[in-house]
Amino acid sequence: MIEDTPVSSQPLIADSMPINNAAFFDRLADVQLPTEPNLWPVLATAAAVTIAIIALITLGYRRYAQTTTPAPASDITQQALTRLNAIEQAWLANDINTRETVYQLSTVLRLGLGLSQLTAHCPPSLGDQQPQWQQTIAHFEQLRYQPTATQRLEQTTFTELRRWLTISAEHCRDQHGGDQHV
């Protein structure tokens, strides 16, 4: 059985407080929030450590790059001559067309002579080869940049390139004294 007992109604705090209770709010005003953490020293330290790490990596890389020696001119020439022979064999066997052959020959000549770009100006290492150089470069440009070549690539071109690579290697050896690095 459930008894009917009157529920004692106690006055609620909100009921006893007037709407504008200044004393209550004054007590709340005494509560202070904790101060925000100061992150600037942490961020500055992290930035300084990051910059120091980047500087150390950069210095280490520069030292490593300075200690690595470039390949000797004879190695570069030998690699270029080996690649030149492979291109010639592929061209003779009709494995690659004339246009592709000239592209590859241009790359081998440029890398073998240490040039950044093939131009009509003869490299100083080839001495007095200016007329032949200009003629060969013009011939290469005609064969590379026209969809259908009107001229043919001759066997003598390979011989000429071999001779230039050899002259350049000898020039580097003479200029740098023996088999030193370029």
Protein backbone atom coordinates (compact mmCIF):
# COMPACT_ATOMS: atom_id res chain seq x y z
CA MET A 1 0.00 0.00 0.00
CA ILE A 2 1.14 3.34 -0.82
CA GLU A 3 0.59 5.98 1.73
CA ASP A 4 -0.40 9.37 0.83
CA THR A 5 2.09 11.39 2.66
CA PRO A 6 2.50 14.90 1.70
CA VAL A 7 5.84 15.58 0.18
CA SER A 8 7.55 18.17 2.16
CA SER A 9 8.26 20.98 -0.07
CA GLN A 10 11.46 22.60 0.83
CA PRO A 11 12.13 25.87 -0.74
CA LEU A 12 14.57 25.69 -3.62
CA ILE A 13 17.63 27.89 -3.64
CA ALA A 14 16.46 29.55 -6.77
CA ASP A 15 13.14 30.30 -5.15
CA SER A 16 14.73 31.95 -2.13
CA MET A 17 17.13 34.05 -4.16
CA PRO A 18 15.97 37.21 -5.56
CA ILE A 19 16.72 37.70 -9.20
CA ASN A 20 19.29 40.34 -8.48
CA ASN A 21 21.32 38.81 -5.67
CA ALA A 22 24.54 40.78 -5.58
CA ALA A 23 26.06 38.85 -2.68
CA PHE A 24 25.84 35.56 -4.53
CA PHE A 25 27.53 37.00 -7.59
CA ASP A 26 30.18 38.68 -5.47
CA ARG A 27 31.19 35.27 -4.11
CA LEU A 28 31.49 33.97 -7.67
CA ALA A 29 33.68 36.91 -8.59
CA ASP A 30 36.29 35.72 -6.09
CA VAL A 31 36.82 32.50 -8.07
CA GLN A 32 39.88 32.94 -10.25
CA LEU A 33 40.66 30.80 -13.23
CA PRO A 34 44.13 29.30 -13.42
CA THR A 35 46.55 31.19 -15.64
CA GLU A 36 47.01 30.00 -19.16
CA PRO A 37 50.19 28.03 -19.70
CA ASN A 38 52.93 30.07 -21.32
CA LEU A 39 53.83 28.16 -24.51
CA TRP A 40 56.25 30.69 -26.00
CA PRO A 41 59.37 29.26 -24.35
CA VAL A 42 58.41 25.76 -25.48
CA LEU A 43 57.70 26.90 -29.04
CA ALA A 44 60.90 28.97 -29.21
CA THR A 45 62.96 26.02 -27.98
CA ALA A 46 61.33 23.67 -30.49
CA ALA A 47 62.01 26.15 -33.32
CA ALA A 48 65.64 26.57 -32.25
CA VAL A 49 66.17 22.81 -32.08
CA THR A 50 64.56 22.36 -35.51
CA ILE A 51 66.76 25.06 -37.06
CA ALA A 52 69.85 23.51 -35.46
CA ILE A 53 68.97 20.07 -36.84
CA ILE A 54 68.38 21.48 -40.33
CA ALA A 55 71.70 23.35 -40.16
CA LEU A 56 73.56 20.20 -39.09
CA ILE A 57 71.98 18.16 -41.88
CA THR A 58 72.85 20.84 -44.44
CA LEU A 59 76.45 21.08 -43.27
CA GLY A 60 76.79 17.30 -43.25
CA TYR A 61 75.44 17.09 -46.78
CA ARG A 62 77.81 19.80 -48.01
CA ARG A 63 80.79 18.04 -46.48
CA TYR A 64 79.68 14.75 -48.01
CA ALA A 65 79.21 16.39 -51.41
CA GLN A 66 82.66 17.99 -51.20
CA THR A 67 84.37 14.75 -50.25
CA THR A 68 82.89 12.76 -53.11
CA THR A 69 85.18 13.07 -56.07
CA PRO A 70 83.90 13.24 -59.60
CA ALA A 71 84.66 10.38 -61.91
CA PRO A 72 87.96 10.68 -63.74
CA ALA A 73 87.76 11.98 -67.29
CA SER A 74 88.98 8.62 -68.56
CA ASP A 75 86.03 6.87 -66.87
CA ILE A 76 83.52 9.31 -68.33
CA THR A 77 85.10 8.98 -71.76
CA GLN A 78 85.15 5.20 -71.51
CA GLN A 79 81.48 5.13 -70.56
CA ALA A 80 80.63 7.47 -73.45
CA LEU A 81 82.64 5.37 -75.91
CA THR A 82 80.99 2.17 -74.67
CA ARG A 83 77.55 3.72 -75.08
CA LEU A 84 78.55 5.07 -78.51
CA ASN A 85 79.48 1.55 -79.65
CA ALA A 86 76.15 0.19 -78.38
CA ILE A 87 74.22 2.90 -80.22
CA GLU A 88 76.17 2.20 -83.40
CA GLN A 89 75.42 -1.53 -83.19
CA ALA A 90 71.72 -0.87 -82.60
CA TRP A 91 71.62 1.56 -85.54
CA LEU A 92 73.41 -0.88 -87.86
CA ALA A 93 70.99 -3.64 -86.85
CA ASN A 94 68.02 -1.28 -87.50
CA ASP A 95 66.90 -1.70 -83.88
CA ILE A 96 66.53 2.09 -83.59
CA ASN A 97 65.66 4.59 -86.29
CA THR A 98 67.84 7.50 -87.37
CA ARG A 99 66.00 10.08 -85.29
CA GLU A 100 66.34 8.07 -82.06
CA THR A 101 69.98 7.33 -82.92
CA VAL A 102 70.75 11.04 -83.26
CA TYR A 103 68.98 11.82 -79.97
CA GLN A 104 71.12 9.23 -78.22
CA LEU A 105 74.31 10.38 -79.98
CA SER A 106 73.63 13.97 -78.90
CA THR A 107 73.24 12.87 -75.30
CA VAL A 108 76.40 10.75 -75.36
CA LEU A 109 78.38 13.59 -76.94
CA ARG A 110 77.05 16.15 -74.45
CA LEU A 111 77.73 13.98 -71.40
CA GLY A 112 81.03 12.62 -72.70
CA LEU A 113 82.37 16.14 -73.25
CA GLY A 114 80.89 17.44 -69.99
CA LEU A 115 78.66 20.01 -71.68
CA SER A 116 75.40 21.27 -70.23
CA GLN A 117 73.99 21.82 -73.72
CA LEU A 118 75.06 21.17 -77.30
CA THR A 119 75.52 24.46 -79.12
CA ALA A 120 77.16 25.53 -82.35
CA HIS A 121 80.21 26.69 -80.37
CA CYS A 122 82.93 24.08 -80.31
CA PRO A 123 84.15 23.15 -76.81
CA PRO A 124 87.67 24.41 -76.05
CA SER A 125 88.84 20.86 -75.39
CA LEU A 126 88.42 20.05 -79.10
CA GLY A 127 90.73 22.79 -80.26
CA ASP A 128 90.43 23.63 -83.97
CA GLN A 129 87.46 21.39 -84.77
CA GLN A 130 84.99 24.31 -85.15
CA PRO A 131 83.92 23.72 -88.79
CA GLN A 132 83.33 19.98 -88.32
CA TRP A 133 81.61 20.62 -84.99
CA GLN A 134 79.19 23.16 -86.46
CA GLN A 135 78.41 20.91 -89.41
CA THR A 136 77.73 17.90 -87.14
CA ILE A 137 75.53 19.87 -84.72
CA ALA A 138 73.53 21.36 -87.60
CA HIS A 139 73.13 17.88 -89.09
CA PHE A 140 71.98 16.52 -85.70
CA GLU A 141 69.42 19.31 -85.32
CA GLN A 142 68.06 18.64 -88.80
CA LEU A 143 67.72 14.92 -88.08
CA ARG A 144 66.29 15.36 -84.57
CA TYR A 145 63.74 18.10 -85.08
CA GLN A 146 62.16 17.27 -88.42
CA PRO A 147 59.48 14.57 -88.55
CA THR A 148 60.95 13.03 -91.66
CA ALA A 149 64.65 13.33 -92.18
CA THR A 150 65.78 14.42 -95.61
CA GLN A 151 69.40 13.48 -94.89
CA ARG A 152 70.88 10.20 -93.73
CA LEU A 153 73.14 9.48 -90.85
CA GLU A 154 76.54 8.35 -92.06
CA GLN A 155 78.91 5.80 -90.55
CA THR A 156 81.60 8.49 -90.44
CA THR A 157 79.57 10.37 -87.82
CA PHE A 158 80.31 7.64 -85.29
CA THR A 159 84.01 7.79 -86.12
CA GLU A 160 84.00 11.58 -85.73
CA LEU A 161 82.29 11.37 -82.33
CA ARG A 162 84.79 8.74 -81.16
CA ARG A 163 87.64 11.00 -82.19
CA TRP A 164 86.15 14.00 -80.36
CA LEU A 165 85.60 12.05 -77.16
CA THR A 166 89.18 10.78 -77.29
CA ILE A 167 90.62 14.26 -78.01
CA SER A 168 88.63 15.73 -75.12
CA ALA A 169 89.84 13.03 -72.70
CA GLU A 170 93.46 13.59 -73.76
CA HIS A 171 93.03 17.34 -73.36
CA CYS A 172 91.69 16.89 -69.80
CA ARG A 173 94.55 14.53 -68.92
CA ASP A 174 97.15 16.97 -70.27
CA GLN A 175 95.52 19.94 -68.59
CA HIS A 176 95.15 18.29 -65.17
CA GLY A 177 98.35 16.32 -65.23
CA GLY A 178 98.09 12.59 -65.73
CA ASP A 179 95.07 10.64 -64.56
CA GLN A 180 93.80 13.10 -61.99
CA HIS A 181 90.14 13.83 -61.49
CA VAL A 182 88.44 16.51 -63.52
